[in-house]
């Protein structure tokens, strides 16, 4: 392999390692019969039914971003947040999957407390194992949905990385997020770099994101009788959901990223 090929295909710690994309794509292709069946009969395919290769492929796909950009680029874009987390704050990572995002933050900010939640049993078990391997005492993982998080504690930072669009009821989830925020807390919401206008997705990234949606985002939501929002919310769609959930502040953060767009919300 050339250094450039290895950077993308062999080094799992590289910022733009794409092995996870191939991993999850193969798993999606093997799930084609299930997807076609629900397209014809209705309903959806749950994450558990999609299989562990999908879960692990998605984990490997997003891990490079968390490892190389989350603490170094994304969080510092929010004024005063890094300083608050360095002193010690409470952070909630909803839809945390296998915990890669939560662990990256917990390692960087040992004085803060982190809670990662996800309703998928296999993902949470992997997250707990990852926390144990890293000998972290400031992070906890629970197999629950966002709406089940205890309201007794309020959070300085709540994160949702590429997961709101997968949920059965995105507005209810956002309302829960707003309720769980401290008065001066912030919500970092990350969505794929696509648009709710199909004509604006006529580019390589937009086409990939749109093509992936039926294999995961749409069908997982529909399996739980959800809204099936799809991964093409875009800024307009996200603003509409945030307004419906009661947020008073919404802004798109000036982060250059080919895959994702970043929104900052306040109560």
Protein backbone atom coordinates (compact mmCIF):
# COMPACT_ATOMS: atom_id res chain seq x y z
CA UNK A 1 0.00 0.00 0.00
CA UNK A 2 1.04 3.57 -0.58
CA UNK A 3 1.07 5.83 2.51
CA UNK A 4 -2.10 7.47 1.20
CA UNK A 5 -3.89 4.13 0.83
CA UNK A 6 -2.80 3.01 4.28
CA UNK A 7 -3.98 6.31 5.77
CA UNK A 8 -7.52 5.64 4.54
CA UNK A 9 -7.70 1.84 4.59
CA UNK A 10 -5.28 0.45 7.19
CA UNK A 11 -4.73 2.94 10.00
CA UNK A 12 -7.84 2.86 12.21
CA UNK A 13 -6.62 5.89 14.17
CA UNK A 14 -6.24 8.09 11.07
CA UNK A 15 -8.71 11.01 10.82
CA UNK A 16 -10.29 9.72 7.62
CA UNK A 17 -9.99 5.96 8.02
CA UNK A 18 -12.80 4.45 5.92
CA UNK A 19 -12.59 0.77 6.84
CA UNK A 20 -15.69 1.13 8.98
CA UNK A 21 -17.60 2.36 5.96
CA UNK A 22 -16.75 -0.77 4.00
CA UNK A 23 -17.51 -2.91 7.05
CA UNK A 24 -20.99 -1.45 7.50
CA UNK A 25 -21.69 -1.36 3.75
CA UNK A 26 -21.08 -5.10 3.40
CA UNK A 27 -23.36 -5.75 6.39
CA UNK A 28 -26.03 -3.54 4.81
CA UNK A 29 -25.84 -5.44 1.51
CA UNK A 30 -26.30 -8.74 3.35
CA UNK A 31 -29.41 -7.26 5.00
CA UNK A 32 -30.95 -6.39 1.63
CA UNK A 33 -33.61 -9.18 1.76
CA UNK A 34 -34.88 -7.89 5.14
CA UNK A 35 -34.97 -4.30 3.88
CA UNK A 36 -36.84 -5.24 0.70
CA UNK A 37 -39.35 -7.27 2.70
CA UNK A 38 -40.32 -4.36 4.97
CA UNK A 39 -40.45 -1.98 2.01
CA UNK A 40 -43.12 -4.25 0.54
CA UNK A 41 -44.98 -5.18 3.73
CA UNK A 42 -44.41 -2.17 5.99
CA UNK A 43 -42.64 -1.79 9.29
CA UNK A 44 -38.89 -1.75 9.73
CA UNK A 45 -35.82 -3.70 10.82
CA UNK A 46 -34.49 -3.03 14.33
CA UNK A 47 -30.80 -2.52 15.05
CA UNK A 48 -30.72 -5.89 16.82
CA UNK A 49 -32.13 -7.56 13.69
CA UNK A 50 -29.67 -5.76 11.43
CA UNK A 51 -26.89 -7.55 13.29
CA UNK A 52 -23.67 -6.91 15.13
CA UNK A 53 -21.65 -6.25 11.98
CA UNK A 54 -23.76 -3.15 11.36
CA UNK A 55 -23.19 -1.96 14.94
CA UNK A 56 -19.45 -2.59 14.78
CA UNK A 57 -19.13 -1.12 11.30
CA UNK A 58 -20.85 2.09 12.36
CA UNK A 59 -18.60 2.26 15.44
CA UNK A 60 -15.48 1.95 13.29
CA UNK A 61 -16.84 4.50 10.80
CA UNK A 62 -17.40 7.28 13.35
CA UNK A 63 -14.52 6.51 15.74
CA UNK A 64 -11.85 8.46 13.75
CA UNK A 65 -13.89 11.65 14.05
CA UNK A 66 -14.27 11.27 17.80
CA UNK A 67 -10.62 10.34 18.23
CA UNK A 68 -9.17 13.17 16.13
CA UNK A 69 -11.72 15.99 16.12
CA UNK A 70 -14.25 15.85 18.97
CA UNK A 71 -12.03 17.20 21.76
CA UNK A 72 -9.51 18.95 19.51
CA UNK A 73 -11.90 20.84 17.20
CA UNK A 74 -15.61 20.42 17.87
CA UNK A 75 -15.87 21.20 21.59
CA UNK A 76 -13.47 24.20 21.52
CA UNK A 77 -15.76 25.86 18.97
CA UNK A 78 -18.29 26.42 21.78
CA UNK A 79 -17.16 29.44 23.85
CA UNK A 80 -16.17 28.61 27.43
CA UNK A 81 -17.09 24.93 27.21
CA UNK A 82 -13.61 23.43 27.40
CA UNK A 83 -12.75 25.53 30.45
CA UNK A 84 -15.96 24.41 32.16
CA UNK A 85 -15.22 20.74 31.45
CA UNK A 86 -11.63 21.10 32.64
CA UNK A 87 -12.89 22.39 36.00
CA UNK A 88 -15.57 19.70 36.22
CA UNK A 89 -19.01 19.45 34.64
CA UNK A 90 -21.77 16.97 33.94
CA UNK A 91 -22.04 15.59 30.41
CA UNK A 92 -24.73 13.41 28.85
CA UNK A 93 -24.08 11.59 25.57
CA UNK A 94 -27.40 10.33 24.18
CA UNK A 95 -27.47 7.60 21.55
CA UNK A 96 -23.86 6.92 22.51
CA UNK A 97 -23.67 3.60 20.69
CA UNK A 98 -20.51 1.73 21.59
CA UNK A 99 -19.21 4.65 23.63
CA UNK A 100 -16.38 5.94 21.45
CA UNK A 101 -17.52 9.58 21.72
CA UNK A 102 -18.16 9.37 25.46
CA UNK A 103 -14.79 7.75 26.13
CA UNK A 104 -12.92 10.35 24.05
CA UNK A 105 -14.41 13.14 26.17
CA UNK A 106 -14.00 11.31 29.48
CA UNK A 107 -10.29 10.75 28.83
CA UNK A 108 -9.76 14.41 27.96
CA UNK A 109 -11.65 15.84 30.95
CA UNK A 110 -10.99 13.69 34.04
CA UNK A 111 -12.62 16.24 36.39
CA UNK A 112 -15.98 15.96 34.61
CA UNK A 113 -18.59 13.21 34.91
CA UNK A 114 -19.95 11.49 31.80
CA UNK A 115 -23.07 9.44 31.22
CA UNK A 116 -23.63 7.60 27.95
CA UNK A 117 -27.06 6.15 27.20
CA UNK A 118 -28.34 3.95 24.39
CA UNK A 119 -31.22 1.47 24.20
CA UNK A 120 -29.13 -1.16 22.37
CA UNK A 121 -27.82 -3.86 24.74
CA UNK A 122 -24.88 -4.97 22.58
CA UNK A 123 -23.66 -1.40 22.08
CA UNK A 124 -23.76 -0.60 25.80
CA UNK A 125 -21.88 -3.77 26.70
CA UNK A 126 -19.15 -2.79 24.24
CA UNK A 127 -19.08 0.71 25.74
CA UNK A 128 -18.70 -0.64 29.27
CA UNK A 129 -15.83 -2.87 28.12
CA UNK A 130 -14.14 0.10 26.46
CA UNK A 131 -14.41 2.16 29.65
CA UNK A 132 -12.92 -0.71 31.66
CA UNK A 133 -10.04 -1.13 29.21
CA UNK A 134 -9.24 2.58 29.57
CA UNK A 135 -9.53 2.39 33.39
CA UNK A 136 -11.93 5.34 33.52
CA UNK A 137 -13.81 6.09 36.73
CA UNK A 138 -15.61 9.23 35.52
CA UNK A 139 -17.87 7.57 32.96
CA UNK A 140 -21.01 5.45 33.21
CA UNK A 141 -23.08 3.70 30.55
CA UNK A 142 -26.76 2.79 30.83
CA UNK A 143 -28.99 0.78 28.52
CA UNK A 144 -31.86 3.26 28.39
CA UNK A 145 -33.43 5.68 25.94
CA UNK A 146 -32.89 9.42 26.33
CA UNK A 147 -36.41 9.86 27.73
CA UNK A 148 -35.57 7.48 30.59
CA UNK A 149 -32.63 9.50 31.92
CA UNK A 150 -33.24 10.63 35.51
CA UNK A 151 -34.40 14.25 35.77
CA UNK A 152 -32.69 14.68 39.16
CA UNK A 153 -29.41 15.78 37.60
CA UNK A 154 -28.96 18.62 35.10
CA UNK A 155 -26.18 18.78 32.54
CA UNK A 156 -23.65 21.37 31.38
CA UNK A 157 -23.30 19.62 28.03
CA UNK A 158 -25.56 17.18 26.22
CA UNK A 159 -24.38 15.61 22.97
CA UNK A 160 -26.16 13.75 20.19
CA UNK A 161 -23.86 12.50 17.46
CA UNK A 162 -25.64 11.34 14.30
CA UNK A 163 -28.53 9.74 16.15
CA UNK A 164 -31.51 12.10 16.52
CA UNK A 165 -32.73 11.26 13.02
CA UNK A 166 -32.71 7.54 13.89
CA UNK A 167 -35.10 7.94 16.79
CA UNK A 168 -38.76 7.03 16.84
CA UNK A 169 -39.77 10.43 18.22
CA UNK A 170 -37.08 13.07 17.64
CA UNK A 171 -39.17 15.93 19.04
CA UNK A 172 -39.85 14.12 22.30
CA UNK A 173 -36.14 13.36 22.59
CA UNK A 174 -35.26 17.01 22.02
CA UNK A 175 -37.83 18.07 24.63
CA UNK A 176 -36.12 15.70 27.08
CA UNK A 177 -32.74 17.18 26.23
CA UNK A 178 -34.04 20.69 26.90
CA UNK A 179 -35.46 19.57 30.26
CA UNK A 180 -32.14 17.97 31.27
CA UNK A 181 -29.99 21.01 30.44
CA UNK A 182 -28.83 23.43 33.09
CA UNK A 183 -29.98 26.99 32.52
CA UNK A 184 -26.57 27.82 31.07
CA UNK A 185 -26.05 24.38 29.54
CA UNK A 186 -25.51 23.67 25.84
CA UNK A 187 -26.65 20.95 23.47
CA UNK A 188 -24.23 19.86 20.72
CA UNK A 189 -26.25 18.22 17.96
CA UNK A 190 -24.43 16.62 15.03
CA UNK A 191 -26.18 15.53 11.82
CA UNK A 192 -24.95 14.24 8.45
CA UNK A 193 -23.96 16.89 5.94
CA UNK A 194 -27.09 16.58 3.83
CA UNK A 195 -30.21 18.63 3.12
CA UNK A 196 -33.96 18.19 3.46
CA UNK A 197 -34.15 19.35 -0.17
CA UNK A 198 -33.25 16.35 -2.40
CA UNK A 199 -31.96 18.65 -5.14
CA UNK A 200 -29.27 19.91 -2.75
CA UNK A 201 -27.98 16.36 -2.22
CA UNK A 202 -26.77 15.99 -5.80
CA UNK A 203 -23.12 15.74 -4.77
CA UNK A 204 -20.91 12.80 -3.72
CA UNK A 205 -21.48 13.15 0.04
CA UNK A 206 -25.19 13.88 -0.31
CA UNK A 207 -25.68 10.84 -2.52
CA UNK A 208 -23.86 8.54 -0.10
CA UNK A 209 -25.80 9.83 2.92
CA UNK A 210 -29.14 9.55 1.11
CA UNK A 211 -28.33 6.06 -0.11
CA UNK A 212 -27.42 4.79 3.35
CA UNK A 213 -30.61 6.03 5.02
CA UNK A 214 -32.98 3.19 4.00
CA UNK A 215 -30.52 0.58 5.23
CA UNK A 216 -30.25 1.97 8.74
CA UNK A 217 -31.78 5.30 9.72
CA UNK A 218 -35.23 4.89 8.20
CA UNK A 219 -35.73 1.21 8.92
CA UNK A 220 -34.54 1.37 12.56
CA UNK A 221 -36.99 4.19 13.27
CA UNK A 222 -39.84 2.40 11.48
CA UNK A 223 -39.17 -0.78 13.44
CA UNK A 224 -40.35 1.17 16.51
CA UNK A 225 -43.29 2.82 14.72
CA UNK A 226 -41.24 6.00 14.54
CA UNK A 227 -41.22 9.16 12.45
CA UNK A 228 -38.69 7.76 9.96
CA UNK A 229 -37.07 11.18 9.61
CA UNK A 230 -34.11 9.87 7.66
CA UNK A 231 -30.59 11.24 7.75
CA UNK A 232 -31.27 14.21 5.44
CA UNK A 233 -32.65 16.58 8.07
CA UNK A 234 -30.23 19.31 7.16
CA UNK A 235 -30.16 22.66 8.91
CA UNK A 236 -33.75 23.56 7.98
CA UNK A 237 -35.13 20.28 9.28
CA UNK A 238 -33.10 20.50 12.47
CA UNK A 239 -34.24 24.08 13.10
CA UNK A 240 -37.87 23.04 12.68
CA UNK A 241 -37.54 20.18 15.18
CA UNK A 242 -35.69 22.40 17.66
CA UNK A 243 -38.40 25.04 17.45
CA UNK A 244 -41.11 22.44 17.99
CA UNK A 245 -39.23 21.16 21.05
CA UNK A 246 -39.12 24.65 22.57
CA UNK A 247 -35.47 25.66 22.19
CA UNK A 248 -34.91 29.41 22.13
CA UNK A 249 -31.43 29.37 20.59
CA UNK A 250 -30.20 27.49 17.50
CA UNK A 251 -27.05 28.15 15.55
CA UNK A 252 -24.95 26.28 13.05
CA UNK A 253 -21.35 26.09 14.25
CA UNK A 254 -18.56 27.16 11.86
CA UNK A 255 -16.89 23.75 11.73
CA UNK A 256 -15.50 22.61 8.39
CA UNK A 257 -16.26 18.91 7.99
CA UNK A 258 -17.10 16.93 4.83
CA UNK A 259 -19.34 14.40 6.59
CA UNK A 260 -21.19 16.28 9.33
CA UNK A 261 -22.77 19.60 10.25
CA UNK A 262 -22.87 20.89 13.82
CA UNK A 263 -25.63 22.70 15.69
CA UNK A 264 -25.50 24.45 19.07
CA UNK A 265 -28.77 24.74 21.02
CA UNK A 266 -29.62 26.45 24.28
CA UNK A 267 -32.78 26.43 26.38
